PDB file of N, CA and C in Angstrom:
ATOM      1  N   MET A   1     -87.812  62.903 -51.791  1.00  0.00           N
ATOM      2  CA  MET A   1     -88.372  61.608 -51.473  1.00  0.00           C
ATOM      3  C   MET A   1     -87.386  60.488 -51.805  1.00  0.00           C
ATOM      4  N   ARG A   2     -86.724  60.623 -52.958  1.00  0.00           N
ATOM      5  CA  ARG A   2     -85.774  59.589 -53.370  1.00  0.00           C
ATOM      6  C   ARG A   2     -84.644  59.453 -52.351  1.00  0.00           C
ATOM      7  N   ALA A   3     -84.131  60.577 -51.877  1.00  0.00           N
ATOM      8  CA  ALA A   3     -83.042  60.536 -50.901  1.00  0.00           C
ATOM      9  C   ALA A   3     -83.492  59.864 -49.611  1.00  0.00           C
ATOM     10  N   VAL A   4     -84.718  60.117 -49.198  1.00  0.00           N
ATOM     11  CA  VAL A   4     -85.238  59.493 -47.978  1.00  0.00           C
ATOM     12  C   VAL A   4     -85.345  57.984 -48.169  1.00  0.00           C
ATOM     13  N   LEU A   5     -85.854  57.543 -49.306  1.00  0.00           N
ATOM     14  CA  LEU A   5     -85.975  56.105 -49.578  1.00  0.00           C
ATOM     15  C   LEU A   5     -84.603  55.440 -49.645  1.00  0.00           C
ATOM     16  N   GLU A   6     -83.652  56.096 -50.312  1.00  0.00           N
ATOM     17  CA  GLU A   6     -82.299  55.539 -50.372  1.00  0.00           C
ATOM     18  C   GLU A   6     -81.717  55.402 -48.972  1.00  0.00           C
ATOM     19  N   ALA A   7     -81.918  56.410 -48.132  1.00  0.00           N
ATOM     20  CA  ALA A   7     -81.400  56.367 -46.769  1.00  0.00           C
ATOM     21  C   ALA A   7     -82.051  55.241 -45.971  1.00  0.00           C
ATOM     22  N   LEU A   8     -83.353  55.049 -46.126  1.00  0.00           N
ATOM     23  CA  LEU A   8     -84.047  53.976 -45.414  1.00  0.00           C
ATOM     24  C   LEU A   8     -83.534  52.609 -45.848  1.00  0.00           C
ATOM     25  N   ILE A   9     -83.361  52.418 -47.151  1.00  0.00           N
ATOM     26  CA  ILE A   9     -82.871  51.138 -47.667  1.00  0.00           C
ATOM     27  C   ILE A   9     -81.446  50.903 -47.191  1.00  0.00           C
ATOM     28  N   PHE A  10     -80.635  51.933 -47.235  1.00  0.00           N
ATOM     29  CA  PHE A  10     -79.229  51.805 -46.849  1.00  0.00           C
ATOM     30  C   PHE A  10     -79.082  51.527 -45.356  1.00  0.00           C
ATOM     31  N   ALA A  11     -79.875  52.217 -44.533  1.00  0.00           N
ATOM     32  CA  ALA A  11     -79.719  52.120 -43.083  1.00  0.00           C
ATOM     33  C   ALA A  11     -80.370  50.883 -42.476  1.00  0.00           C
ATOM     34  N   SER A  12     -81.276  50.271 -43.178  1.00  0.00           N
ATOM     35  CA  SER A  12     -81.988  49.122 -42.617  1.00  0.00           C
ATOM     36  C   SER A  12     -81.070  47.901 -42.539  1.00  0.00           C
ATOM     37  N   PRO A  13     -80.990  47.252 -41.372  1.00  0.00           N
ATOM     38  CA  PRO A  13     -80.113  46.086 -41.230  1.00  0.00           C
ATOM     39  C   PRO A  13     -80.617  44.856 -41.987  1.00  0.00           C
ATOM     40  N   GLN A  14     -81.897  44.825 -42.309  1.00  0.00           N
ATOM     41  CA  GLN A  14     -82.460  43.730 -43.101  1.00  0.00           C
ATOM     42  C   GLN A  14     -83.309  44.344 -44.208  1.00  0.00           C
ATOM     43  N   PRO A  15     -83.748  43.543 -45.174  1.00  0.00           N
ATOM     44  CA  PRO A  15     -84.579  44.117 -46.237  1.00  0.00           C
ATOM     45  C   PRO A  15     -85.774  44.860 -45.630  1.00  0.00           C
ATOM     46  N   ILE A  16     -85.997  46.064 -46.120  1.00  0.00           N
ATOM     47  CA  ILE A  16     -87.080  46.880 -45.580  1.00  0.00           C
ATOM     48  C   ILE A  16     -88.363  46.604 -46.367  1.00  0.00           C
ATOM     49  N   THR A  17     -89.435  46.394 -45.666  1.00  0.00           N
ATOM     50  CA  THR A  17     -90.704  46.040 -46.304  1.00  0.00           C
ATOM     51  C   THR A  17     -91.512  47.299 -46.605  1.00  0.00           C
ATOM     52  N   PRO A  18     -92.427  47.199 -47.551  1.00  0.00           N
ATOM     53  CA  PRO A  18     -93.308  48.346 -47.822  1.00  0.00           C
ATOM     54  C   PRO A  18     -94.083  48.781 -46.575  1.00  0.00           C
ATOM     55  N   LYS A  19     -94.435  47.843 -45.724  1.00  0.00           N
ATOM     56  CA  LYS A  19     -95.152  48.176 -44.487  1.00  0.00           C
ATOM     57  C   LYS A  19     -94.282  49.066 -43.593  1.00  0.00           C
ATOM     58  N   GLU A  20     -92.981  48.747 -43.504  1.00  0.00           N
ATOM     59  CA  GLU A  20     -92.074  49.564 -42.692  1.00  0.00           C
ATOM     60  C   GLU A  20     -91.894  50.947 -43.302  1.00  0.00           C
ATOM     61  N   ILE A  21     -91.798  51.001 -44.629  1.00  0.00           N
ATOM     62  CA  ILE A  21     -91.668  52.304 -45.302  1.00  0.00           C
ATOM     63  C   ILE A  21     -92.903  53.146 -45.038  1.00  0.00           C
ATOM     64  N   ALA A  22     -94.089  52.534 -45.156  1.00  0.00           N
ATOM     65  CA  ALA A  22     -95.340  53.264 -44.917  1.00  0.00           C
ATOM     66  C   ALA A  22     -95.399  53.786 -43.477  1.00  0.00           C
ATOM     67  N   ARG A  23     -94.902  52.990 -42.525  1.00  0.00           N
ATOM     68  CA  ARG A  23     -94.900  53.417 -41.122  1.00  0.00           C
ATOM     69  C   ARG A  23     -93.995  54.634 -40.924  1.00  0.00           C
ATOM     70  N   VAL A  24     -92.832  54.607 -41.558  1.00  0.00           N
ATOM     71  CA  VAL A  24     -91.885  55.710 -41.411  1.00  0.00           C
ATOM     72  C   VAL A  24     -92.382  56.959 -42.140  1.00  0.00           C
ATOM     73  N   LEU A  25     -92.963  56.764 -43.315  1.00  0.00           N
ATOM     74  CA  LEU A  25     -93.401  57.893 -44.134  1.00  0.00           C
ATOM     75  C   LEU A  25     -94.874  58.214 -43.920  1.00  0.00           C
ATOM     76  N   GLN A  26     -95.303  58.238 -42.681  1.00  0.00           N
ATOM     77  CA  GLN A  26     -96.700  58.557 -42.374  1.00  0.00           C
ATOM     78  C   GLN A  26     -97.046  59.910 -42.961  1.00  0.00           C
ATOM     79  N   GLY A  27     -98.194  59.996 -43.575  1.00  0.00           N
ATOM     80  CA  GLY A  27     -98.642  61.257 -44.155  1.00  0.00           C
ATOM     81  C   GLY A  27     -98.227  61.450 -45.603  1.00  0.00           C
ATOM     82  N   VAL A  28     -97.290  60.652 -46.090  1.00  0.00           N
ATOM     83  CA  VAL A  28     -96.879  60.730 -47.497  1.00  0.00           C
ATOM     84  C   VAL A  28     -97.729  59.723 -48.267  1.00  0.00           C
ATOM     85  N   PRO A  29     -98.395  60.159 -49.322  1.00  0.00           N
ATOM     86  CA  PRO A  29     -99.226  59.226 -50.084  1.00  0.00           C
ATOM     87  C   PRO A  29     -98.414  58.020 -50.577  1.00  0.00           C
ATOM     88  N   ARG A  30     -98.979  56.830 -50.396  1.00  0.00           N
ATOM     89  CA  ARG A  30     -98.306  55.584 -50.761  1.00  0.00           C
ATOM     90  C   ARG A  30     -97.893  55.574 -52.232  1.00  0.00           C
ATOM     91  N   GLU A  31     -98.725  56.127 -53.098  1.00  0.00           N
ATOM     92  CA  GLU A  31     -98.422  56.143 -54.533  1.00  0.00           C
ATOM     93  C   GLU A  31     -97.155  56.936 -54.821  1.00  0.00           C
ATOM     94  N   ASP A  32     -96.958  58.031 -54.071  1.00  0.00           N
ATOM     95  CA  ASP A  32     -95.785  58.881 -54.301  1.00  0.00           C
ATOM     96  C   ASP A  32     -94.490  58.128 -53.998  1.00  0.00           C
ATOM     97  N   TRP A  33     -94.409  57.518 -52.818  1.00  0.00           N
ATOM     98  CA  TRP A  33     -93.156  56.849 -52.477  1.00  0.00           C
ATOM     99  C   TRP A  33     -92.980  55.545 -53.235  1.00  0.00           C
ATOM    100  N   GLN A  34     -94.090  54.903 -53.637  1.00  0.00           N
ATOM    101  CA  GLN A  34     -93.947  53.684 -54.446  1.00  0.00           C
ATOM    102  C   GLN A  34     -93.399  54.010 -55.837  1.00  0.00           C
ATOM    103  N   ARG A  35     -93.835  55.130 -56.398  1.00  0.00           N
ATOM    104  CA  ARG A  35     -93.333  55.555 -57.707  1.00  0.00           C
ATOM    105  C   ARG A  35     -91.831  55.845 -57.619  1.00  0.00           C
ATOM    106  N   GLU A  36     -91.426  56.548 -56.580  1.00  0.00           N
ATOM    107  CA  GLU A  36     -90.004  56.836 -56.380  1.00  0.00           C
ATOM    108  C   GLU A  36     -89.210  55.554 -56.147  1.00  0.00           C
ATOM    109  N   LEU A  37     -89.794  54.614 -55.424  1.00  0.00           N
ATOM    110  CA  LEU A  37     -89.124  53.350 -55.158  1.00  0.00           C
ATOM    111  C   LEU A  37     -88.902  52.575 -56.454  1.00  0.00           C
ATOM    112  N   GLU A  38     -89.867  52.603 -57.331  1.00  0.00           N
ATOM    113  CA  GLU A  38     -89.716  51.932 -58.632  1.00  0.00           C
ATOM    114  C   GLU A  38     -88.608  52.583 -59.459  1.00  0.00           C
ATOM    115  N   GLU A  39     -88.472  53.896 -59.359  1.00  0.00           N
ATOM    116  CA  GLU A  39     -87.431  54.599 -60.110  1.00  0.00           C
ATOM    117  C   GLU A  39     -86.039  54.336 -59.552  1.00  0.00           C
ATOM    118  N   LEU A  40     -85.970  53.814 -58.329  1.00  0.00           N
ATOM    119  CA  LEU A  40     -84.675  53.497 -57.731  1.00  0.00           C
ATOM    120  C   LEU A  40     -84.081  52.209 -58.293  1.00  0.00           C
ATOM    121  N   ARG A  41     -84.853  51.444 -59.013  1.00  0.00           N
ATOM    122  CA  ARG A  41     -84.323  50.204 -59.582  1.00  0.00           C
ATOM    123  C   ARG A  41     -83.096  50.538 -60.422  1.00  0.00           C
ATOM    124  N   PRO A  42     -82.072  49.704 -60.329  1.00  0.00           N
ATOM    125  CA  PRO A  42     -80.833  50.019 -61.047  1.00  0.00           C
ATOM    126  C   PRO A  42     -81.019  50.009 -62.562  1.00  0.00           C
ATOM    127  N   THR A  43     -80.321  50.936 -63.201  1.00  0.00           N
ATOM    128  CA  THR A  43     -80.365  50.991 -64.659  1.00  0.00           C
ATOM    129  C   THR A  43     -79.152  50.305 -65.264  1.00  0.00           C
ATOM    130  N   THR A  44     -78.126  50.053 -64.435  1.00  0.00           N
ATOM    131  CA  THR A  44     -76.945  49.356 -64.927  1.00  0.00           C
ATOM    132  C   THR A  44     -77.008  47.900 -64.468  1.00  0.00           C
ATOM    133  N   PRO A  45     -76.349  47.004 -65.176  1.00  0.00           N
ATOM    134  CA  PRO A  45     -76.366  45.604 -64.759  1.00  0.00           C
ATOM    135  C   PRO A  45     -75.756  45.440 -63.377  1.00  0.00           C
ATOM    136  N   ALA A  46     -76.331  44.556 -62.582  1.00  0.00           N
ATOM    137  CA  ALA A  46     -75.869  44.352 -61.205  1.00  0.00           C
ATOM    138  C   ALA A  46     -74.425  43.875 -61.144  1.00  0.00           C
ATOM    139  N   THR A  47     -73.927  43.265 -62.215  1.00  0.00           N
ATOM    140  CA  THR A  47     -72.561  42.746 -62.183  1.00  0.00           C
ATOM    141  C   THR A  47     -71.522  43.850 -62.313  1.00  0.00           C
ATOM    142  N   THR A  48     -71.899  45.008 -62.845  1.00  0.00           N
ATOM    143  CA  THR A  48     -70.923  46.089 -63.008  1.00  0.00           C
ATOM    144  C   THR A  48     -71.187  47.272 -62.095  1.00  0.00           C
ATOM    145  N   ALA A  49     -72.371  47.381 -61.535  1.00  0.00           N
ATOM    146  CA  ALA A  49     -72.694  48.527 -60.686  1.00  0.00           C
ATOM    147  C   ALA A  49     -71.965  48.439 -59.354  1.00  0.00           C
ATOM    148  N   ALA A  50     -71.506  49.585 -58.869  1.00  0.00           N
ATOM    149  CA  ALA A  50     -70.848  49.604 -57.559  1.00  0.00           C
ATOM    150  C   ALA A  50     -71.865  49.341 -56.466  1.00  0.00           C
ATOM    151  N   CYS A  51     -73.038  49.911 -56.602  1.00  0.00           N
ATOM    152  CA  CYS A  51     -74.115  49.700 -55.639  1.00  0.00           C
ATOM    153  C   CYS A  51     -75.417  49.536 -56.399  1.00  0.00           C
ATOM    154  N   SER A  52     -76.313  48.778 -55.821  1.00  0.00           N
ATOM    155  CA  SER A  52     -77.622  48.626 -56.436  1.00  0.00           C
ATOM    156  C   SER A  52     -78.646  48.374 -55.356  1.00  0.00           C
ATOM    157  N   SER A  53     -79.884  48.642 -55.687  1.00  0.00           N
ATOM    158  CA  SER A  53     -80.967  48.315 -54.778  1.00  0.00           C
ATOM    159  C   SER A  53     -81.803  47.237 -55.448  1.00  0.00           C
ATOM    160  N   SER A  54     -82.382  46.401 -54.648  1.00  0.00           N
ATOM    161  CA  SER A  54     -83.191  45.327 -55.213  1.00  0.00           C
ATOM    162  C   SER A  54     -84.408  45.114 -54.342  1.00  0.00           C
ATOM    163  N   ARG A  55     -85.400  44.470 -54.918  1.00  0.00           N
ATOM    164  CA  ARG A  55     -86.607  44.145 -54.176  1.00  0.00           C
ATOM    165  C   ARG A  55     -86.816  42.653 -54.246  1.00  0.00           C
ATOM    166  N   SER A  56     -87.249  42.104 -53.135  1.00  0.00           N
ATOM    167  CA  SER A  56     -87.553  40.688 -53.055  1.00  0.00           C
ATOM    168  C   SER A  56     -88.849  40.556 -52.260  1.00  0.00           C
ATOM    169  N   PRO A  57     -89.374  39.347 -52.140  1.00  0.00           N
ATOM    170  CA  PRO A  57     -90.578  39.198 -51.311  1.00  0.00           C
ATOM    171  C   PRO A  57     -90.359  39.665 -49.870  1.00  0.00           C
ATOM    172  N   ALA A  58     -89.109  39.614 -49.406  1.00  0.00           N
ATOM    173  CA  ALA A  58     -88.816  40.044 -48.036  1.00  0.00           C
ATOM    174  C   ALA A  58     -88.772  41.561 -47.906  1.00  0.00           C
ATOM    175  N   GLY A  59     -88.549  42.282 -48.998  1.00  0.00           N
ATOM    176  CA  GLY A  59     -88.481  43.741 -48.955  1.00  0.00           C
ATOM    177  C   GLY A  59     -87.373  44.268 -49.821  1.00  0.00           C
ATOM    178  N   GLY A  60     -87.047  45.565 -49.638  1.00  0.00           N
ATOM    179  CA  GLY A  60     -86.000  46.193 -50.439  1.00  0.00           C
ATOM    180  C   GLY A  60     -84.676  46.178 -49.705  1.00  0.00           C
ATOM    181  N   ARG A  61     -83.596  46.169 -50.480  1.00  0.00           N
ATOM    182  CA  ARG A  61     -82.277  46.172 -49.860  1.00  0.00           C
ATOM    183  C   ARG A  61     -81.288  46.819 -50.798  1.00  0.00           C
ATOM    184  N   SER A  62     -80.255  47.376 -50.215  1.00  0.00           N
ATOM    185  CA  SER A  62     -79.172  47.984 -50.967  1.00  0.00           C
ATOM    186  C   SER A  62     -77.963  47.078 -50.830  1.00  0.00           C
ATOM    187  N   ARG A  63     -77.256  46.859 -51.937  1.00  0.00           N
ATOM    188  CA  ARG A  63     -76.064  46.016 -51.866  1.00  0.00           C
ATOM    189  C   ARG A  63     -75.000  46.532 -52.810  1.00  0.00           C
ATOM    190  N   HIS A  64     -73.783  46.114 -52.548  1.00  0.00           N
ATOM    191  CA  HIS A  64     -72.671  46.523 -53.393  1.00  0.00           C
ATOM    192  C   HIS A  64     -72.452  45.466 -54.466  1.00  0.00           C
ATOM    193  N   GLY A  65     -71.845  45.878 -55.563  1.00  0.00           N
ATOM    194  CA  GLY A  65     -71.594  44.966 -56.667  1.00  0.00           C
ATOM    195  C   GLY A  65     -70.361  44.111 -56.436  1.00  0.00           C
ATOM    196  N   PRO A  66     -70.242  43.022 -57.186  1.00  0.00           N
ATOM    197  CA  PRO A  66     -69.105  42.117 -57.027  1.00  0.00           C
ATOM    198  C   PRO A  66     -67.759  42.787 -57.282  1.00  0.00           C
ATOM    199  N   SER A  67     -67.743  43.829 -58.093  1.00  0.00           N
ATOM    200  CA  SER A  67     -66.473  44.484 -58.400  1.00  0.00           C
ATOM    201  C   SER A  67     -65.883  45.201 -57.184  1.00  0.00           C
ATOM    202  N   THR A  68     -66.696  45.400 -56.154  1.00  0.00           N
ATOM    203  CA  THR A  68     -66.223  46.105 -54.967  1.00  0.00           C
ATOM    204  C   THR A  68     -66.108  45.207 -53.737  1.00  0.00           C
ATOM    205  N   ASN A  69     -66.255  43.900 -53.903  1.00  0.00           N
ATOM    206  CA  ASN A  69     -66.237  42.965 -52.767  1.00  0.00           C
ATOM    207  C   ASN A  69     -65.018  43.131 -51.877  1.00  0.00           C
ATOM    208  N   ASP A  70     -63.830  43.127 -52.465  1.00  0.00           N
ATOM    209  CA  ASP A  70     -62.608  43.194 -51.663  1.00  0.00           C
ATOM    210  C   ASP A  70     -62.526  44.477 -50.851  1.00  0.00           C
ATOM    211  N   TRP A  71     -62.959  45.581 -51.438  1.00  0.00           N
ATOM    212  CA  TRP A  71     -62.881  46.870 -50.749  1.00  0.00           C
ATOM    213  C   TRP A  71     -63.857  46.920 -49.580  1.00  0.00           C
ATOM    214  N   VAL A  72     -65.064  46.453 -49.801  1.00  0.00           N
ATOM    215  CA  VAL A  72     -66.071  46.466 -48.732  1.00  0.00           C
ATOM    216  C   VAL A  72     -65.670  45.503 -47.625  1.00  0.00           C
ATOM    217  N   ARG A  73     -65.143  44.338 -47.980  1.00  0.00           N
ATOM    218  CA  ARG A  73     -64.685  43.369 -46.974  1.00  0.00           C
ATOM    219  C   ARG A  73     -63.589  43.993 -46.107  1.00  0.00           C
ATOM    220  N   GLU A  74     -62.681  44.716 -46.714  1.00  0.00           N
ATOM    221  CA  GLU A  74     -61.599  45.366 -45.966  1.00  0.00           C
ATOM    222  C   GLU A  74     -62.159  46.431 -45.023  1.00  0.00           C
ATOM    223  N   LEU A  75     -63.179  47.150 -45.471  1.00  0.00           N
ATOM    224  CA  LEU A  75     -63.805  48.163 -44.620  1.00  0.00           C
ATOM    225  C   LEU A  75     -64.477  47.527 -43.413  1.00  0.00           C
ATOM    226  N   LEU A  76     -65.204  46.444 -43.629  1.00  0.00           N
ATOM    227  CA  LEU A  76     -65.974  45.822 -42.561  1.00  0.00           C
ATOM    228  C   LEU A  76     -65.151  44.903 -41.672  1.00  0.00           C
ATOM    229  N   ASP A  77     -64.070  44.325 -42.203  1.00  0.00           N
ATOM    230  CA  ASP A  77     -63.257  43.388 -41.440  1.00  0.00           C
ATOM    231  C   ASP A  77     -61.780  43.604 -41.766  1.00  0.00           C
ATOM    232  N   PRO A  78     -61.215  44.715 -41.290  1.00  0.00           N
ATOM    233  CA  PRO A  78     -59.817  44.990 -41.631  1.00  0.00           C
ATOM    234  C   PRO A  78     -58.887  43.944 -41.032  1.00  0.00           C
ATOM    235  N   ARG A  79     -57.917  43.544 -41.820  1.00  0.00           N
ATOM    236  CA  ARG A  79     -56.940  42.563 -41.348  1.00  0.00           C
ATOM    237  C   ARG A  79     -55.712  43.299 -40.850  1.00  0.00           C
ATOM    238  N   THR A  80     -55.712  43.641 -39.593  1.00  0.00           N
ATOM    239  CA  THR A  80     -54.550  44.303 -39.024  1.00  0.00           C
ATOM    240  C   THR A  80     -53.621  43.235 -38.470  1.00  0.00           C
ATOM    241  N   PRO A  81     -52.397  43.240 -38.906  1.00  0.00           N
ATOM    242  CA  PRO A  81     -51.481  42.211 -38.431  1.00  0.00           C
ATOM    243  C   PRO A  81     -51.202  42.388 -36.935  1.00  0.00           C
ATOM    244  N   THR A  82     -51.136  41.270 -36.249  1.00  0.00           N
ATOM    245  CA  THR A  82     -50.854  41.291 -34.824  1.00  0.00           C
ATOM    246  C   THR A  82     -49.367  41.096 -34.619  1.00  0.00           C
ATOM    247  N   ARG A  83     -48.763  41.995 -33.899  1.00  0.00           N
ATOM    248  CA  ARG A  83     -47.340  41.920 -33.597  1.00  0.00           C
ATOM    249  C   ARG A  83     -47.171  41.431 -32.167  1.00  0.00           C
ATOM    250  N   LEU A  84     -46.366  40.401 -31.992  1.00  0.00           N
ATOM    251  CA  LEU A  84     -46.089  39.880 -30.659  1.00  0.00           C
ATOM    252  C   LEU A  84     -44.697  40.303 -30.223  1.00  0.00           C
ATOM    253  N   SER A  85     -44.575  40.548 -28.930  1.00  0.00           N
ATOM    254  CA  SER A  85     -43.258  40.903 -28.389  1.00  0.00           C
ATOM    255  C   SER A  85     -42.372  39.664 -28.375  1.00  0.00           C
ATOM    256  N   ILE A  86     -41.075  39.884 -28.210  1.00  0.00           N
ATOM    257  CA  ILE A  86     -40.116  38.775 -28.110  1.00  0.00           C
ATOM    258  C   ILE A  86     -40.480  37.876 -26.934  1.00  0.00           C
ATOM    259  N   GLN A  87     -40.869  38.482 -25.810  1.00  0.00           N
ATOM    260  CA  GLN A  87     -41.226  37.713 -24.626  1.00  0.00           C
ATOM    261  C   GLN A  87     -42.447  36.829 -24.888  1.00  0.00           C
ATOM    262  N   ALA A  88     -43.436  37.387 -25.582  1.00  0.00           N
ATOM    263  CA  ALA A  88     -44.632  36.598 -25.895  1.00  0.00           C
ATOM    264  C   ALA A  88     -44.288  35.447 -26.838  1.00  0.00           C
ATOM    265  N   LEU A  89     -43.409  35.709 -27.823  1.00  0.00           N
ATOM    266  CA  LEU A  89     -42.988  34.647 -28.735  1.00  0.00           C
ATOM    267  C   LEU A  89     -42.223  33.547 -28.005  1.00  0.00           C
ATOM    268  N   GLU A  90     -41.365  33.933 -27.053  1.00  0.00           N
ATOM    269  CA  GLU A  90     -40.640  32.937 -26.267  1.00  0.00           C
ATOM    270  C   GLU A  90     -41.600  32.065 -25.469  1.00  0.00           C
ATOM    271  N   THR A  91     -42.583  32.703 -24.849  1.00  0.00           N
ATOM    272  CA  THR A  91     -43.569  31.963 -24.051  1.00  0.00           C
ATOM    273  C   THR A  91     -44.371  31.014 -24.937  1.00  0.00           C
ATOM    274  N   LEU A  92     -44.786  31.479 -26.099  1.00  0.00           N
ATOM    275  CA  LEU A  92     -45.524  30.621 -27.024  1.00  0.00           C
ATOM    276  C   LEU A  92     -44.667  29.460 -27.515  1.00  0.00           C
ATOM    277  N   ALA A  93     -43.390  29.702 -27.728  1.00  0.00           N
ATOM    278  CA  ALA A  93     -42.490  28.629 -28.159  1.00  0.00           C
ATOM    279  C   ALA A  93     -42.377  27.555 -27.088  1.00  0.00           C
ATOM    280  N   VAL A  94     -42.285  27.975 -25.818  1.00  0.00           N
ATOM    281  CA  VAL A  94     -42.213  27.007 -24.717  1.00  0.00           C
ATOM    282  C   VAL A  94     -43.509  26.203 -24.656  1.00  0.00           C
ATOM    283  N   ILE A  95     -44.636  26.877 -24.784  1.00  0.00           N
ATOM    284  CA  ILE A  95     -45.935  26.196 -24.745  1.00  0.00           C
ATOM    285  C   ILE A  95     -46.046  25.201 -25.899  1.00  0.00           C
ATOM    286  N   ALA A  96     -45.646  25.610 -27.090  1.00  0.00           N
ATOM    287  CA  ALA A  96     -45.742  24.727 -28.257  1.00  0.00           C
ATOM    288  C   ALA A  96     -44.838  23.508 -28.115  1.00  0.00           C
ATOM    289  N   TYR A  97     -43.672  23.706 -27.553  1.00  0.00           N
ATOM    290  CA  TYR A  97     -42.700  22.618 -27.451  1.00  0.00           C
ATOM    291  C   TYR A  97     -43.022  21.655 -26.309  1.00  0.00           C
ATOM    292  N   LYS A  98     -43.441  22.196 -25.163  1.00  0.00           N
ATOM    293  CA  LYS A  98     -43.592  21.382 -23.952  1.00  0.00           C
ATOM    294  C   LYS A  98     -45.043  21.046 -23.600  1.00  0.00           C
ATOM    295  N   GLN A  99     -46.017  21.424 -24.405  1.00  0.00           N
ATOM    296  CA  GLN A  99     -47.404  21.269 -23.975  1.00  0.00           C
ATOM    297  C   GLN A  99     -47.744  19.837 -23.600  1.00  0.00           C
ATOM    298  N   PRO A 100     -48.571  19.623 -22.625  1.00  0.00           N
ATOM    299  CA  PRO A 100     -49.155  20.626 -21.732  1.00  0.00           C
ATOM    300  C   PRO A 100     -48.117  21.122 -20.730  1.00  0.00           C
ATOM    301  N   VAL A 101     -48.211  22.397 -20.409  1.00  0.00           N
ATOM    302  CA  VAL A 101     -47.235  23.009 -19.524  1.00  0.00           C
ATOM    303  C   VAL A 101     -47.957  23.952 -18.572  1.00  0.00           C
ATOM    304  N   THR A 102     -47.434  24.070 -17.365  1.00  0.00           N
ATOM    305  CA  THR A 102     -48.034  24.968 -16.376  1.00  0.00           C
ATOM    306  C   THR A 102     -47.239  26.264 -16.312  1.00  0.00           C
ATOM    307  N   LEU A 103     -47.840  27.269 -15.692  1.00  0.00           N
ATOM    308  CA  LEU A 103     -47.175  28.559 -15.560  1.00  0.00           C
ATOM    309  C   LEU A 103     -45.854  28.447 -14.791  1.00  0.00           C
ATOM    310  N   PRO A 104     -45.801  27.721 -13.678  1.00  0.00           N
ATOM    311  CA  PRO A 104     -44.502  27.601 -12.989  1.00  0.00           C
ATOM    312  C   PRO A 104     -43.429  26.968 -13.881  1.00  0.00           C
ATOM    313  N   GLU A 105     -43.802  26.025 -14.726  1.00  0.00           N
ATOM    314  CA  GLU A 105     -42.827  25.413 -15.633  1.00  0.00           C
ATOM    315  C   GLU A 105     -42.329  26.422 -16.661  1.00  0.00           C
ATOM    316  N   ILE A 106     -43.221  27.267 -17.157  1.00  0.00           N
ATOM    317  CA  ILE A 106     -42.818  28.305 -18.125  1.00  0.00           C
ATOM    318  C   ILE A 106     -41.849  29.278 -17.461  1.00  0.00           C
ATOM    319  N   ILE A 107     -42.179  29.686 -16.232  1.00  0.00           N
ATOM    320  CA  ILE A 107     -41.307  30.616 -15.503  1.00  0.00           C
ATOM    321  C   ILE A 107     -39.931  29.992 -15.294  1.00  0.00           C
ATOM    322  N   GLU A 108     -39.907  28.714 -14.931  1.00  0.00           N
ATOM    323  CA  GLU A 108     -38.634  28.031 -14.709  1.00  0.00           C
ATOM    324  C   GLU A 108     -37.821  27.930 -15.994  1.00  0.00           C
ATOM    325  N   LEU A 109     -38.454  27.593 -17.097  1.00  0.00           N
ATOM    326  CA  LEU A 109     -37.744  27.447 -18.370  1.00  0.00           C
ATOM    327  C   LEU A 109     -37.229  28.775 -18.902  1.00  0.00           C
ATOM    328  N   ARG A 110     -38.034  29.822 -18.793  1.00  0.00           N
ATOM    329  CA  ARG A 110     -37.625  31.123 -19.313  1.00  0.00           C
ATOM    330  C   ARG A 110     -36.731  31.875 -18.347  1.00  0.00           C
ATOM    331  N   GLY A 111     -36.867  31.605 -17.064  1.00  0.00           N
ATOM    332  CA  GLY A 111     -36.040  32.288 -16.082  1.00  0.00           C
ATOM    333  C   GLY A 111     -36.592  33.648 -15.672  1.00  0.00           C
ATOM    334  N   VAL A 112     -37.753  33.998 -16.150  1.00  0.00           N
ATOM    335  CA  VAL A 112     -38.383  35.269 -15.784  1.00  0.00           C
ATOM    336  C   VAL A 112     -39.882  35.036 -15.571  1.00  0.00           C
ATOM    337  N   LYS A 113     -40.503  35.964 -14.837  1.00  0.00           N
ATOM    338  CA  LYS A 113     -41.928  35.857 -14.598  1.00  0.00           C
ATOM    339  C   LYS A 113     -42.664  36.004 -15.926  1.00  0.00           C
ATOM    340  N   SER A 114     -43.598  35.093 -16.207  1.00  0.00           N
ATOM    341  CA  SER A 114     -44.287  35.075 -17.507  1.00  0.00           C
ATOM    342  C   SER A 114     -45.766  35.326 -17.366  1.00  0.00           C
ATOM    343  N   GLY A 115     -46.130  36.398 -16.766  1.00  0.00           N
ATOM    344  CA  GLY A 115     -47.542  36.713 -16.602  1.00  0.00           C
ATOM    345  C   GLY A 115     -47.762  38.204 -16.632  1.00  0.00           C
ATOM    346  N   ALA A 116     -49.023  38.581 -16.710  1.00  0.00           N
ATOM    347  CA  ALA A 116     -49.364  39.999 -16.746  1.00  0.00           C
ATOM    348  C   ALA A 116     -49.536  40.565 -15.343  1.00  0.00           C
ATOM    349  N   TRP A 117     -49.309  39.758 -14.313  1.00  0.00           N
ATOM    350  CA  TRP A 117     -49.494  40.229 -12.944  1.00  0.00           C
ATOM    351  C   TRP A 117     -48.223  40.445 -12.222  1.00  0.00           C
TER     352      TRP A 117
END
C-alpha cells in the first residue's frame, strides 16, 4: 500500500487530494490507506531530506529538498551549450553591425548565399 501511495504522490502533476486517492484505490478501506499516508510523513527535517512528502489543504505532494535543487534543475532543464558555425557567426556579426539589414544585403556583404534554401 505504501508503495502505491508513494507512486501516486510522485506521479501526480499537482497535489493529489484524498478524493483522488479514494477514486484510484476503489475497494481499499479508507482507513487503511489513510494510516499508510500518515506514516509517509517525513521523519527527517525537510531542510536536509533529499525527498519528502507533504500535505496541504490542496492535497499531498512529493518534493525534493533544497540540498538537491541544482541537481534536479539540471535534470529538468539541462543547459547544453549551443555551438554556432563560422558562417552563422559571420551572418550574426553582419546583422549586429548593420541592423536593420535585409537578406540581399547580407549576401552582398558576405559574398555567399546566406540562407538555408
